[in-house]
Amino acid sequence: MNIGGISIILLLGILNFLLILFQLSTGLRWIKVPFGVHKKTGVTLLISATLHALGAFLTS
């Protein structure tokens, strides 16, 4: 499962890392965003982490 020669699992892992950094920075109030944005990115993180885990599990 590749996109342009790069693994989808790797791309989801990078996306998860960026979302975790965003969640951490908004939770600690380093970046100020409305609570709704923080909540929606948390749901996005949950979905992408689940897809990342399922993809890694199915390819192993």
N, C-alpha and C. Protein backbone atom coordinates (compact mmCIF):
# COMPACT_ATOMS: atom_id res chain seq x y z
N MET A 1 0.84 -1.17 0.00
CA MET A 1 0.00 0.00 0.00
C MET A 1 0.89 1.24 0.00
N ASN A 2 1.07 1.80 -1.20
CA ASN A 2 1.95 2.95 -1.36
C ASN A 2 1.25 4.07 -2.11
N ILE A 3 1.66 5.27 -1.81
CA ILE A 3 1.24 6.45 -2.57
C ILE A 3 2.52 7.14 -3.02
N GLY A 4 2.78 7.10 -4.31
CA GLY A 4 3.98 7.73 -4.83
C GLY A 4 5.25 7.12 -4.26
N GLY A 5 5.24 5.83 -3.98
CA GLY A 5 6.40 5.15 -3.45
C GLY A 5 6.58 5.27 -1.95
N ILE A 6 5.66 5.95 -1.26
CA ILE A 6 5.74 6.11 0.19
C ILE A 6 4.58 5.33 0.81
N SER A 7 4.89 4.58 1.85
CA SER A 7 3.91 3.75 2.52
C SER A 7 2.79 4.58 3.15
N ILE A 8 1.57 4.12 3.00
CA ILE A 8 0.42 4.79 3.62
C ILE A 8 0.54 4.74 5.14
N ILE A 9 1.08 3.64 5.65
CA ILE A 9 1.25 3.51 7.09
C ILE A 9 2.23 4.56 7.61
N LEU A 10 3.30 4.81 6.85
CA LEU A 10 4.25 5.85 7.23
C LEU A 10 3.59 7.23 7.21
N LEU A 11 2.82 7.50 6.18
CA LEU A 11 2.13 8.80 6.09
C LEU A 11 1.15 8.99 7.25
N LEU A 12 0.42 7.94 7.61
CA LEU A 12 -0.50 8.04 8.75
C LEU A 12 0.27 8.22 10.05
N GLY A 13 1.42 7.61 10.18
CA GLY A 13 2.25 7.79 11.36
C GLY A 13 2.74 9.22 11.50
N ILE A 14 3.15 9.82 10.39
CA ILE A 14 3.58 11.22 10.40
C ILE A 14 2.41 12.13 10.73
N LEU A 15 1.25 11.86 10.14
CA LEU A 15 0.04 12.64 10.44
C LEU A 15 -0.31 12.54 11.92
N ASN A 16 -0.23 11.34 12.49
CA ASN A 16 -0.52 11.15 13.91
C ASN A 16 0.44 11.96 14.78
N PHE A 17 1.71 11.93 14.43
CA PHE A 17 2.69 12.69 15.20
C PHE A 17 2.37 14.19 15.18
N LEU A 18 2.03 14.70 14.00
CA LEU A 18 1.69 16.13 13.89
C LEU A 18 0.41 16.46 14.67
N LEU A 19 -0.57 15.58 14.62
CA LEU A 19 -1.80 15.80 15.37
C LEU A 19 -1.55 15.74 16.88
N ILE A 20 -0.69 14.85 17.32
CA ILE A 20 -0.36 14.79 18.74
C ILE A 20 0.34 16.07 19.18
N LEU A 21 1.27 16.57 18.37
CA LEU A 21 1.93 17.84 18.70
C LEU A 21 0.93 18.98 18.78
N PHE A 22 -0.02 19.00 17.85
CA PHE A 22 -1.04 20.05 17.87
C PHE A 22 -1.91 19.93 19.11
N GLN A 23 -2.34 18.71 19.43
CA GLN A 23 -3.18 18.50 20.62
C GLN A 23 -2.44 18.93 21.89
N LEU A 24 -1.17 18.58 21.98
CA LEU A 24 -0.37 18.94 23.14
C LEU A 24 -0.23 20.46 23.25
N SER A 25 0.07 21.11 22.14
CA SER A 25 0.27 22.55 22.18
C SER A 25 -1.01 23.33 22.44
N THR A 26 -2.14 22.82 21.97
CA THR A 26 -3.40 23.51 22.27
C THR A 26 -3.88 23.19 23.67
N GLY A 27 -3.61 21.97 24.14
CA GLY A 27 -4.01 21.60 25.50
C GLY A 27 -3.24 22.37 26.55
N LEU A 28 -1.97 22.64 26.27
CA LEU A 28 -1.13 23.41 27.20
C LEU A 28 -1.23 24.92 26.96
N ARG A 29 -2.09 25.31 26.04
CA ARG A 29 -2.35 26.72 25.70
C ARG A 29 -1.14 27.44 25.11
N TRP A 30 -0.24 26.68 24.44
CA TRP A 30 0.84 27.34 23.71
C TRP A 30 0.26 27.95 22.44
N ILE A 31 -0.73 27.28 21.86
CA ILE A 31 -1.49 27.80 20.72
C ILE A 31 -2.92 27.91 21.20
N LYS A 32 -3.53 29.06 21.02
CA LYS A 32 -4.90 29.26 21.49
C LYS A 32 -5.87 29.07 20.33
N VAL A 33 -6.71 28.07 20.47
CA VAL A 33 -7.75 27.78 19.49
C VAL A 33 -9.04 27.53 20.24
N PRO A 34 -10.18 27.69 19.58
CA PRO A 34 -11.44 27.36 20.24
C PRO A 34 -11.50 25.88 20.60
N PHE A 35 -12.26 25.57 21.62
CA PHE A 35 -12.37 24.18 22.10
C PHE A 35 -12.88 23.26 21.00
N GLY A 36 -13.75 23.75 20.14
CA GLY A 36 -14.29 22.92 19.05
C GLY A 36 -13.20 22.42 18.11
N VAL A 37 -12.21 23.26 17.84
CA VAL A 37 -11.10 22.86 16.97
C VAL A 37 -10.29 21.77 17.66
N HIS A 38 -10.02 21.96 18.94
CA HIS A 38 -9.26 20.97 19.72
C HIS A 38 -10.00 19.63 19.74
N LYS A 39 -11.30 19.70 19.90
CA LYS A 39 -12.13 18.49 19.94
C LYS A 39 -12.15 17.77 18.59
N LYS A 40 -12.29 18.53 17.50
CA LYS A 40 -12.33 17.92 16.16
C LYS A 40 -10.99 17.30 15.79
N THR A 41 -9.90 17.94 16.15
CA THR A 41 -8.59 17.34 15.84
C THR A 41 -8.35 16.10 16.70
N GLY A 42 -8.92 16.07 17.89
CA GLY A 42 -8.83 14.87 18.71
C GLY A 42 -9.55 13.69 18.07
N VAL A 43 -10.71 13.94 17.52
CA VAL A 43 -11.47 12.89 16.82
C VAL A 43 -10.71 12.46 15.57
N THR A 44 -10.12 13.41 14.85
CA THR A 44 -9.32 13.09 13.67
C THR A 44 -8.12 12.24 14.06
N LEU A 45 -7.50 12.57 15.18
CA LEU A 45 -6.37 11.78 15.68
C LEU A 45 -6.80 10.36 16.00
N LEU A 46 -7.93 10.19 16.64
CA LEU A 46 -8.44 8.86 16.97
C LEU A 46 -8.66 8.03 15.70
N ILE A 47 -9.27 8.63 14.70
CA ILE A 47 -9.56 7.92 13.45
C ILE A 47 -8.26 7.56 12.72
N SER A 48 -7.34 8.51 12.60
CA SER A 48 -6.10 8.23 11.88
C SER A 48 -5.23 7.24 12.63
N ALA A 49 -5.23 7.29 13.96
CA ALA A 49 -4.44 6.31 14.74
C ALA A 49 -5.03 4.91 14.58
N THR A 50 -6.35 4.81 14.53
CA THR A 50 -6.99 3.51 14.32
C THR A 50 -6.66 2.95 12.95
N LEU A 51 -6.71 3.79 11.92
CA LEU A 51 -6.37 3.35 10.57
C LEU A 51 -4.90 2.95 10.49
N HIS A 52 -4.04 3.71 11.15
CA HIS A 52 -2.61 3.41 11.19
C HIS A 52 -2.37 2.05 11.84
N ALA A 53 -3.02 1.79 12.96
CA ALA A 53 -2.84 0.53 13.66
C ALA A 53 -3.40 -0.65 12.85
N LEU A 54 -4.58 -0.48 12.27
CA LEU A 54 -5.16 -1.55 11.46
C LEU A 54 -4.30 -1.86 10.23
N GLY A 55 -3.80 -0.80 9.59
CA GLY A 55 -2.94 -1.00 8.43
C GLY A 55 -1.67 -1.73 8.78
N ALA A 56 -1.05 -1.34 9.90
CA ALA A 56 0.18 -2.00 10.33
C ALA A 56 -0.10 -3.46 10.71
N PHE A 57 -1.21 -3.70 11.36
CA PHE A 57 -1.58 -5.06 11.76
C PHE A 57 -1.84 -5.94 10.54
N LEU A 58 -2.54 -5.42 9.55
CA LEU A 58 -2.91 -6.21 8.40
C LEU A 58 -1.73 -6.48 7.46
N THR A 59 -0.74 -5.60 7.45
CA THR A 59 0.40 -5.83 6.55
C THR A 59 1.47 -6.70 7.18
N SER A 60 1.40 -6.93 8.48
CA SER A 60 2.44 -7.76 9.11
C SER A 60 2.10 -9.24 9.04
